[in-house]
N, C-alpha and C. Protein backbone atom coordinates (compact mmCIF):
# COMPACT_ATOMS: atom_id res chain seq x y z
N MET A 1 -2.90 -0.61 -2.30
CA MET A 1 -2.81 0.57 -1.50
C MET A 1 -4.19 0.93 -0.99
N GLU A 2 -4.23 1.34 0.25
CA GLU A 2 -5.47 1.80 0.87
C GLU A 2 -5.57 3.31 0.71
N SER A 3 -6.65 3.87 1.21
CA SER A 3 -6.82 5.32 1.18
C SER A 3 -5.73 5.99 2.00
N ALA A 4 -5.20 7.07 1.46
CA ALA A 4 -4.14 7.80 2.14
C ALA A 4 -4.74 8.71 3.22
N LEU A 5 -3.96 8.96 4.25
CA LEU A 5 -4.35 9.85 5.34
C LEU A 5 -3.40 11.03 5.32
N ARG A 6 -3.95 12.22 5.12
CA ARG A 6 -3.11 13.41 5.05
C ARG A 6 -3.19 14.18 6.36
N ILE A 7 -2.03 14.46 6.96
CA ILE A 7 -1.94 15.21 8.20
C ILE A 7 -0.96 16.35 7.94
N GLY A 8 -1.48 17.55 7.77
CA GLY A 8 -0.62 18.68 7.42
C GLY A 8 0.02 18.44 6.07
N GLU A 9 1.34 18.50 6.03
CA GLU A 9 2.07 18.26 4.79
C GLU A 9 2.56 16.82 4.67
N THR A 10 2.20 15.98 5.61
CA THR A 10 2.63 14.58 5.61
C THR A 10 1.46 13.68 5.25
N THR A 11 1.71 12.72 4.39
CA THR A 11 0.68 11.77 3.98
C THR A 11 1.14 10.36 4.33
N LEU A 12 0.26 9.61 4.98
CA LEU A 12 0.51 8.21 5.31
C LEU A 12 -0.28 7.34 4.36
N VAL A 13 0.40 6.39 3.73
CA VAL A 13 -0.24 5.50 2.76
C VAL A 13 -0.06 4.06 3.22
N PRO A 14 -1.14 3.43 3.73
CA PRO A 14 -1.02 2.02 4.11
C PRO A 14 -1.03 1.13 2.87
N VAL A 15 -0.20 0.11 2.89
CA VAL A 15 -0.13 -0.85 1.78
C VAL A 15 -0.63 -2.19 2.32
N VAL A 16 -1.59 -2.77 1.62
CA VAL A 16 -2.16 -4.03 2.07
C VAL A 16 -1.98 -5.11 1.02
N GLU A 17 -1.99 -6.34 1.49
CA GLU A 17 -1.93 -7.50 0.60
C GLU A 17 -3.30 -8.18 0.67
N ILE A 18 -3.85 -8.47 -0.49
CA ILE A 18 -5.13 -9.17 -0.54
C ILE A 18 -4.90 -10.52 -1.19
N ARG A 19 -5.26 -11.56 -0.48
CA ARG A 19 -5.11 -12.93 -1.00
C ARG A 19 -6.49 -13.55 -1.15
N SER A 20 -6.62 -14.32 -2.19
CA SER A 20 -7.89 -15.03 -2.39
C SER A 20 -7.59 -16.51 -2.65
N THR A 21 -8.45 -17.34 -2.17
CA THR A 21 -8.36 -18.77 -2.43
C THR A 21 -9.76 -19.29 -2.74
N TRP A 22 -9.80 -20.39 -3.40
CA TRP A 22 -11.09 -21.01 -3.67
C TRP A 22 -10.91 -22.51 -3.74
N SER A 23 -11.99 -23.20 -3.52
CA SER A 23 -11.97 -24.66 -3.66
C SER A 23 -13.35 -25.10 -4.13
N ALA A 24 -13.34 -26.13 -4.93
CA ALA A 24 -14.59 -26.68 -5.44
C ALA A 24 -14.82 -28.04 -4.81
N GLY A 25 -16.01 -28.25 -4.40
CA GLY A 25 -16.35 -29.53 -3.79
C GLY A 25 -17.63 -30.08 -4.38
N ARG A 26 -18.10 -31.11 -3.79
CA ARG A 26 -19.29 -31.79 -4.29
C ARG A 26 -20.53 -30.89 -4.25
N TYR A 27 -20.58 -29.99 -3.26
CA TYR A 27 -21.78 -29.18 -3.08
C TYR A 27 -21.63 -27.73 -3.52
N GLY A 28 -20.55 -27.40 -4.16
CA GLY A 28 -20.38 -26.03 -4.65
C GLY A 28 -18.94 -25.55 -4.55
N ILE A 29 -18.81 -24.25 -4.64
CA ILE A 29 -17.50 -23.61 -4.62
C ILE A 29 -17.42 -22.71 -3.40
N CYS A 30 -16.27 -22.70 -2.76
CA CYS A 30 -16.04 -21.86 -1.59
C CYS A 30 -14.92 -20.87 -1.91
N PHE A 31 -15.19 -19.59 -1.67
CA PHE A 31 -14.19 -18.54 -1.88
C PHE A 31 -13.79 -17.97 -0.52
N SER A 32 -12.53 -17.60 -0.41
CA SER A 32 -12.02 -17.00 0.83
C SER A 32 -11.09 -15.85 0.46
N PHE A 33 -11.20 -14.75 1.19
CA PHE A 33 -10.35 -13.59 0.95
C PHE A 33 -9.72 -13.14 2.26
N ARG A 34 -8.49 -12.66 2.18
CA ARG A 34 -7.81 -12.15 3.37
C ARG A 34 -7.11 -10.84 3.01
N LYS A 35 -7.31 -9.84 3.83
CA LYS A 35 -6.69 -8.53 3.63
C LYS A 35 -5.79 -8.27 4.83
N GLN A 36 -4.51 -8.01 4.55
CA GLN A 36 -3.54 -7.86 5.63
C GLN A 36 -2.60 -6.69 5.35
N PRO A 37 -2.41 -5.78 6.33
CA PRO A 37 -1.45 -4.69 6.12
C PRO A 37 -0.03 -5.24 6.01
N THR A 38 0.75 -4.67 5.09
CA THR A 38 2.12 -5.16 4.90
C THR A 38 3.18 -4.07 5.05
N ALA A 39 2.81 -2.81 4.82
CA ALA A 39 3.80 -1.73 4.91
C ALA A 39 3.08 -0.40 5.07
N LEU A 40 3.86 0.61 5.43
CA LEU A 40 3.34 1.97 5.56
C LEU A 40 4.31 2.90 4.87
N LEU A 41 3.80 3.74 4.00
CA LEU A 41 4.62 4.72 3.29
C LEU A 41 4.30 6.09 3.85
N MET A 42 5.33 6.86 4.18
CA MET A 42 5.16 8.21 4.69
C MET A 42 5.77 9.17 3.67
N VAL A 43 4.95 10.08 3.16
CA VAL A 43 5.40 11.04 2.15
C VAL A 43 5.29 12.44 2.77
N SER A 44 6.40 13.18 2.77
CA SER A 44 6.40 14.54 3.31
C SER A 44 7.28 15.41 2.43
N PRO A 45 7.30 16.72 2.67
CA PRO A 45 8.19 17.59 1.88
C PRO A 45 9.66 17.20 2.02
N ILE A 46 10.01 16.53 3.11
CA ILE A 46 11.40 16.11 3.34
C ILE A 46 11.76 14.92 2.45
N GLY A 47 10.78 14.06 2.16
CA GLY A 47 11.04 12.89 1.34
C GLY A 47 10.05 11.77 1.62
N LYS A 48 10.39 10.58 1.14
CA LYS A 48 9.54 9.41 1.31
C LYS A 48 10.26 8.40 2.19
N LYS A 49 9.51 7.83 3.14
CA LYS A 49 10.05 6.78 3.99
C LYS A 49 9.05 5.63 4.00
N ALA A 50 9.57 4.43 4.08
CA ALA A 50 8.72 3.24 4.11
C ALA A 50 9.06 2.42 5.35
N PHE A 51 8.03 1.81 5.91
CA PHE A 51 8.19 1.01 7.12
C PHE A 51 7.47 -0.32 6.95
N SER A 52 8.08 -1.38 7.45
CA SER A 52 7.41 -2.68 7.47
C SER A 52 6.42 -2.66 8.62
N MET A 53 5.56 -3.65 8.71
CA MET A 53 4.58 -3.69 9.79
C MET A 53 5.22 -3.95 11.15
N SER A 54 6.47 -4.42 11.15
CA SER A 54 7.18 -4.59 12.42
C SER A 54 7.80 -3.27 12.88
N GLY A 55 7.67 -2.22 12.05
CA GLY A 55 8.19 -0.90 12.42
C GLY A 55 9.57 -0.59 11.90
N GLU A 56 10.18 -1.54 11.20
CA GLU A 56 11.53 -1.33 10.67
C GLU A 56 11.47 -0.46 9.42
N GLU A 57 12.35 0.54 9.36
CA GLU A 57 12.41 1.39 8.18
C GLU A 57 13.12 0.65 7.06
N MET A 58 12.61 0.81 5.84
CA MET A 58 13.26 0.21 4.67
C MET A 58 13.52 1.32 3.66
N SER A 59 14.51 1.14 2.84
CA SER A 59 14.81 2.15 1.82
C SER A 59 13.66 2.21 0.82
N PHE A 60 13.52 3.36 0.19
CA PHE A 60 12.43 3.51 -0.77
C PHE A 60 12.61 2.56 -1.95
N SER A 61 13.86 2.33 -2.37
CA SER A 61 14.10 1.39 -3.48
C SER A 61 13.73 -0.04 -3.08
N GLU A 62 14.01 -0.41 -1.82
CA GLU A 62 13.62 -1.73 -1.33
C GLU A 62 12.09 -1.85 -1.30
N PHE A 63 11.44 -0.78 -0.87
CA PHE A 63 9.98 -0.74 -0.83
C PHE A 63 9.41 -0.97 -2.24
N LEU A 64 9.95 -0.26 -3.23
CA LEU A 64 9.46 -0.40 -4.60
C LEU A 64 9.71 -1.81 -5.14
N SER A 65 10.83 -2.42 -4.77
CA SER A 65 11.12 -3.77 -5.26
C SER A 65 10.21 -4.82 -4.61
N GLN A 66 9.79 -4.57 -3.37
CA GLN A 66 8.91 -5.52 -2.68
C GLN A 66 7.47 -5.44 -3.18
N PHE A 67 7.10 -4.28 -3.72
CA PHE A 67 5.71 -4.09 -4.15
C PHE A 67 5.69 -3.62 -5.61
N PRO A 68 5.89 -4.56 -6.54
CA PRO A 68 5.92 -4.20 -7.96
C PRO A 68 4.59 -3.58 -8.38
N GLY A 69 4.68 -2.56 -9.20
CA GLY A 69 3.47 -1.90 -9.69
C GLY A 69 2.99 -0.77 -8.81
N ILE A 70 3.54 -0.65 -7.63
CA ILE A 70 3.05 0.39 -6.71
C ILE A 70 3.52 1.78 -7.13
N GLU A 71 4.61 1.83 -7.89
CA GLU A 71 5.12 3.14 -8.32
C GLU A 71 4.09 3.87 -9.18
N GLN A 72 3.38 3.15 -10.04
CA GLN A 72 2.33 3.77 -10.86
C GLN A 72 1.21 4.30 -9.98
N ALA A 73 0.82 3.54 -8.98
CA ALA A 73 -0.23 3.98 -8.07
C ALA A 73 0.20 5.22 -7.30
N LEU A 74 1.47 5.29 -6.92
CA LEU A 74 1.98 6.46 -6.21
C LEU A 74 1.97 7.69 -7.10
N HIS A 75 2.34 7.53 -8.37
CA HIS A 75 2.30 8.67 -9.30
C HIS A 75 0.87 9.19 -9.45
N ALA A 76 -0.08 8.28 -9.55
CA ALA A 76 -1.48 8.69 -9.66
C ALA A 76 -1.93 9.42 -8.40
N LEU A 77 -1.52 8.91 -7.26
CA LEU A 77 -1.86 9.53 -5.98
C LEU A 77 -1.25 10.92 -5.87
N GLU A 78 0.02 11.04 -6.24
CA GLU A 78 0.70 12.33 -6.17
C GLU A 78 0.09 13.33 -7.15
N SER A 79 -0.37 12.87 -8.31
CA SER A 79 -1.04 13.75 -9.26
C SER A 79 -2.33 14.30 -8.66
N GLY A 80 -3.04 13.44 -7.95
CA GLY A 80 -4.27 13.86 -7.28
C GLY A 80 -4.00 14.88 -6.20
N TRP A 81 -2.88 14.73 -5.48
CA TRP A 81 -2.52 15.69 -4.44
C TRP A 81 -2.24 17.06 -5.07
N ALA A 82 -1.53 17.04 -6.20
CA ALA A 82 -1.18 18.30 -6.85
C ALA A 82 -2.43 19.03 -7.32
N GLN A 83 -3.42 18.28 -7.81
CA GLN A 83 -4.65 18.90 -8.28
C GLN A 83 -5.49 19.44 -7.14
N SER A 84 -5.44 18.78 -5.98
CA SER A 84 -6.26 19.22 -4.85
C SER A 84 -5.60 20.33 -4.04
N ALA A 85 -4.32 20.60 -4.31
CA ALA A 85 -3.61 21.63 -3.54
C ALA A 85 -3.91 23.03 -4.04
């Protein structure tokens, strides 16, 4: 998850995928990293909506199943919002 952007009562949370590769050769080791946006989560008083990068809306349960472990990060983020409000 990237830094959230708060606009009024709506918060946009970009979700990114980070991939790393490496290879070892005769003259050393080469590392490569790629960061790519994969989804966008919109949180508002009305509810939570998730969108793929193609703009298609997905259900929140589908979003959680595609990004395991993100639910904990969302709880931490929401706790921070409550403290800053």
